Amino acid sequence: MSEKKIVLIGAGSTMFTQRLVANLIQFPHLGPWELGLVDIDAEALKTTMLLAQRMIAMKEAEITVYASTERRDLLPRANIVVTTIAVGGRRAWEKDVFIPRKYGIY
């Protein structure tokens, strides 16, 4: 199977990125994957990259991971692009969760 490329913009969000990597690892039959991690916060990106590399190594998953603070470096050939940026702090996040929940969407 050919390698697919997913780029995660806002990868400095360690919790979200950790779940995404865990999901990619959990379904090895969907791989191999090329995973691009992008964030404007170089320190947060470094932490997330190290976590992703450890997770991938522990499971010997077919995932090649790259990181950059410049999205243009990693977007070429992407099959999937996910954005996980947060604007507006906790109040905005609560609206993202509670408004859909009001209509039965979780």
C-alpha atoms as a PDB file:
ATOM      1  CA  MET A   1       0.000   0.000   0.000  1.00  0.00           C
ATOM      2  CA  SER A   2       1.312   3.480  -0.820  1.00  0.00           C
ATOM      3  CA  GLU A   3       2.218   5.894   1.929  1.00  0.00           C
ATOM      4  CA  LYS A   4      -0.412   8.485   2.781  1.00  0.00           C
ATOM      5  CA  LYS A   5       0.388  11.894   4.195  1.00  0.00           C
ATOM      6  CA  ILE A   6      -1.511  13.672   6.947  1.00  0.00           C
ATOM      7  CA  VAL A   7      -0.515  17.140   8.139  1.00  0.00           C
ATOM      8  CA  LEU A   8      -1.616  18.400  11.527  1.00  0.00           C
ATOM      9  CA  ILE A   9      -1.594  22.186  11.851  1.00  0.00           C
ATOM     10  CA  GLY A  10      -1.626  23.192  15.497  1.00  0.00           C
ATOM     11  CA  ALA A  11       0.324  20.124  16.557  1.00  0.00           C
ATOM     12  CA  GLY A  12       1.619  21.893  19.657  1.00  0.00           C
ATOM     13  CA  SER A  13      -1.615  20.766  21.267  1.00  0.00           C
ATOM     14  CA  THR A  14      -0.053  17.678  22.791  1.00  0.00           C
ATOM     15  CA  MET A  15      -3.290  16.001  23.867  1.00  0.00           C
ATOM     16  CA  PHE A  16      -4.926  16.168  20.435  1.00  0.00           C
ATOM     17  CA  THR A  17      -1.759  15.153  18.641  1.00  0.00           C
ATOM     18  CA  GLN A  18      -1.222  12.253  21.037  1.00  0.00           C
ATOM     19  CA  ARG A  19      -4.731  10.924  20.272  1.00  0.00           C
ATOM     20  CA  LEU A  20      -4.200  11.274  16.527  1.00  0.00           C
ATOM     21  CA  VAL A  21      -0.894   9.384  16.682  1.00  0.00           C
ATOM     22  CA  ALA A  22      -2.503   6.703  18.875  1.00  0.00           C
ATOM     23  CA  ASN A  23      -5.287   6.306  16.315  1.00  0.00           C
ATOM     24  CA  LEU A  24      -2.827   5.981  13.437  1.00  0.00           C
ATOM     25  CA  ILE A  25      -0.911   3.357  15.418  1.00  0.00           C
ATOM     26  CA  GLN A  26      -4.091   1.491  16.323  1.00  0.00           C
ATOM     27  CA  PHE A  27      -4.985   0.889  12.678  1.00  0.00           C
ATOM     28  CA  PRO A  28      -1.757  -0.309  11.043  1.00  0.00           C
ATOM     29  CA  HIS A  29      -3.649  -1.710   8.051  1.00  0.00           C
ATOM     30  CA  LEU A  30      -4.392   1.893   6.995  1.00  0.00           C
ATOM     31  CA  GLY A  31      -0.685   2.787   6.825  1.00  0.00           C
ATOM     32  CA  PRO A  32       2.052   3.415   6.121  1.00  0.00           C
ATOM     33  CA  TRP A  33       1.699   7.082   7.055  1.00  0.00           C
ATOM     34  CA  GLU A  34       3.777  10.185   6.676  1.00  0.00           C
ATOM     35  CA  LEU A  35       2.796  12.563   9.483  1.00  0.00           C
ATOM     36  CA  GLY A  36       3.620  16.268   9.324  1.00  0.00           C
ATOM     37  CA  LEU A  37       3.387  18.245  12.552  1.00  0.00           C
ATOM     38  CA  VAL A  38       3.109  22.036  12.246  1.00  0.00           C
ATOM     39  CA  ASP A  39       2.935  24.669  14.979  1.00  0.00           C
ATOM     40  CA  ILE A  40       4.105  28.253  15.358  1.00  0.00           C
ATOM     41  CA  ASP A  41       5.354  27.489  18.889  1.00  0.00           C
ATOM     42  CA  ALA A  42       8.713  25.776  18.308  1.00  0.00           C
ATOM     43  CA  GLU A  43       9.049  24.540  21.907  1.00  0.00           C
ATOM     44  CA  ALA A  44       5.558  23.012  21.995  1.00  0.00           C
ATOM     45  CA  LEU A  45       6.215  21.450  18.592  1.00  0.00           C
ATOM     46  CA  LYS A  46       9.485  19.931  19.816  1.00  0.00           C
ATOM     47  CA  THR A  47       7.726  18.361  22.806  1.00  0.00           C
ATOM     48  CA  THR A  48       4.946  16.966  20.641  1.00  0.00           C
ATOM     49  CA  MET A  49       7.419  15.632  18.074  1.00  0.00           C
ATOM     50  CA  LEU A  50       9.390  13.772  20.761  1.00  0.00           C
ATOM     51  CA  LEU A  51       6.188  12.285  22.180  1.00  0.00           C
ATOM     52  CA  ALA A  52       5.013  11.167  18.739  1.00  0.00           C
ATOM     53  CA  GLN A  53       8.403   9.615  17.944  1.00  0.00           C
ATOM     54  CA  ARG A  54       8.367   7.648  21.217  1.00  0.00           C
ATOM     55  CA  MET A  55       4.837   6.388  20.642  1.00  0.00           C
ATOM     56  CA  ILE A  56       5.652   5.317  17.086  1.00  0.00           C
ATOM     57  CA  ALA A  57       8.891   3.595  18.128  1.00  0.00           C
ATOM     58  CA  MET A  58       7.223   1.710  20.988  1.00  0.00           C
ATOM     59  CA  LYS A  59       4.685   0.155  18.614  1.00  0.00           C
ATOM     60  CA  GLU A  60       7.068  -0.094  15.655  1.00  0.00           C
ATOM     61  CA  ALA A  61       4.397   1.624  13.568  1.00  0.00           C
ATOM     62  CA  GLU A  62       4.882   2.442   9.909  1.00  0.00           C
ATOM     63  CA  ILE A  63       4.695   6.188  10.483  1.00  0.00           C
ATOM     64  CA  THR A  64       7.351   8.650   9.431  1.00  0.00           C
ATOM     65  CA  VAL A  65       7.010  11.912  11.336  1.00  0.00           C
ATOM     66  CA  TYR A  66       8.284  15.376  10.411  1.00  0.00           C
ATOM     67  CA  ALA A  67       7.878  18.729  12.160  1.00  0.00           C
ATOM     68  CA  SER A  68       8.118  22.342  11.063  1.00  0.00           C
ATOM     69  CA  THR A  69       7.019  25.761  12.200  1.00  0.00           C
ATOM     70  CA  GLU A  70       6.264  26.542   8.533  1.00  0.00           C
ATOM     71  CA  ARG A  71       3.171  24.832   7.144  1.00  0.00           C
ATOM     72  CA  ARG A  72       4.353  25.327   3.569  1.00  0.00           C
ATOM     73  CA  ASP A  73       7.249  22.979   4.289  1.00  0.00           C
ATOM     74  CA  LEU A  74       4.923  20.048   4.994  1.00  0.00           C
ATOM     75  CA  LEU A  75       1.717  20.668   3.018  1.00  0.00           C
ATOM     76  CA  PRO A  76       2.902  19.452  -0.412  1.00  0.00           C
ATOM     77  CA  ARG A  77       1.501  15.985  -1.259  1.00  0.00           C
ATOM     78  CA  ALA A  78      -0.781  15.971   1.807  1.00  0.00           C
ATOM     79  CA  ASN A  79      -3.811  13.707   1.450  1.00  0.00           C
ATOM     80  CA  ILE A  80      -5.364  15.000   4.669  1.00  0.00           C
ATOM     81  CA  VAL A  81      -4.917  18.294   6.518  1.00  0.00           C
ATOM     82  CA  VAL A  82      -6.269  18.736  10.054  1.00  0.00           C
ATOM     83  CA  THR A  83      -6.256  22.059  11.886  1.00  0.00           C
ATOM     84  CA  THR A  84      -6.395  22.189  15.672  1.00  0.00           C
ATOM     85  CA  ILE A  85      -5.890  25.832  16.423  1.00  0.00           C
ATOM     86  CA  ALA A  86      -7.607  27.461  19.370  1.00  0.00           C
ATOM     87  CA  VAL A  87      -8.843  31.031  19.173  1.00  0.00           C
ATOM     88  CA  GLY A  88     -10.776  32.704  21.944  1.00  0.00           C
ATOM     89  CA  GLY A  89      -9.626  30.620  24.889  1.00  0.00           C
ATOM     90  CA  ARG A  90     -11.820  28.454  27.078  1.00  0.00           C
ATOM     91  CA  ARG A  91     -15.064  30.372  26.407  1.00  0.00           C
ATOM     92  CA  ALA A  92     -14.788  29.765  22.678  1.00  0.00           C
ATOM     93  CA  TRP A  93     -13.939  26.103  23.269  1.00  0.00           C
ATOM     94  CA  GLU A  94     -17.006  25.690  25.487  1.00  0.00           C
ATOM     95  CA  LYS A  95     -19.205  26.959  22.632  1.00  0.00           C
ATOM     96  CA  ASP A  96     -17.561  24.437  20.290  1.00  0.00           C
ATOM     97  CA  VAL A  97     -18.605  21.676  22.686  1.00  0.00           C
ATOM     98  CA  PHE A  98     -21.879  22.795  24.236  1.00  0.00           C
ATOM     99  CA  ILE A  99     -23.721  24.170  21.184  1.00  0.00           C
ATOM    100  CA  PRO A 100     -23.432  20.895  19.186  1.00  0.00           C
ATOM    101  CA  ARG A 101     -24.277  18.920  22.357  1.00  0.00           C
ATOM    102  CA  LYS A 102     -27.523  20.908  22.660  1.00  0.00           C
ATOM    103  CA  TYR A 103     -28.540  19.373  19.308  1.00  0.00           C
ATOM    104  CA  GLY A 104     -27.399  15.837  20.114  1.00  0.00           C
ATOM    105  CA  ILE A 105     -24.040  16.037  18.333  1.00  0.00           C
ATOM    106  CA  TYR A 106     -21.063  14.833  20.364  1.00  0.00           C
END
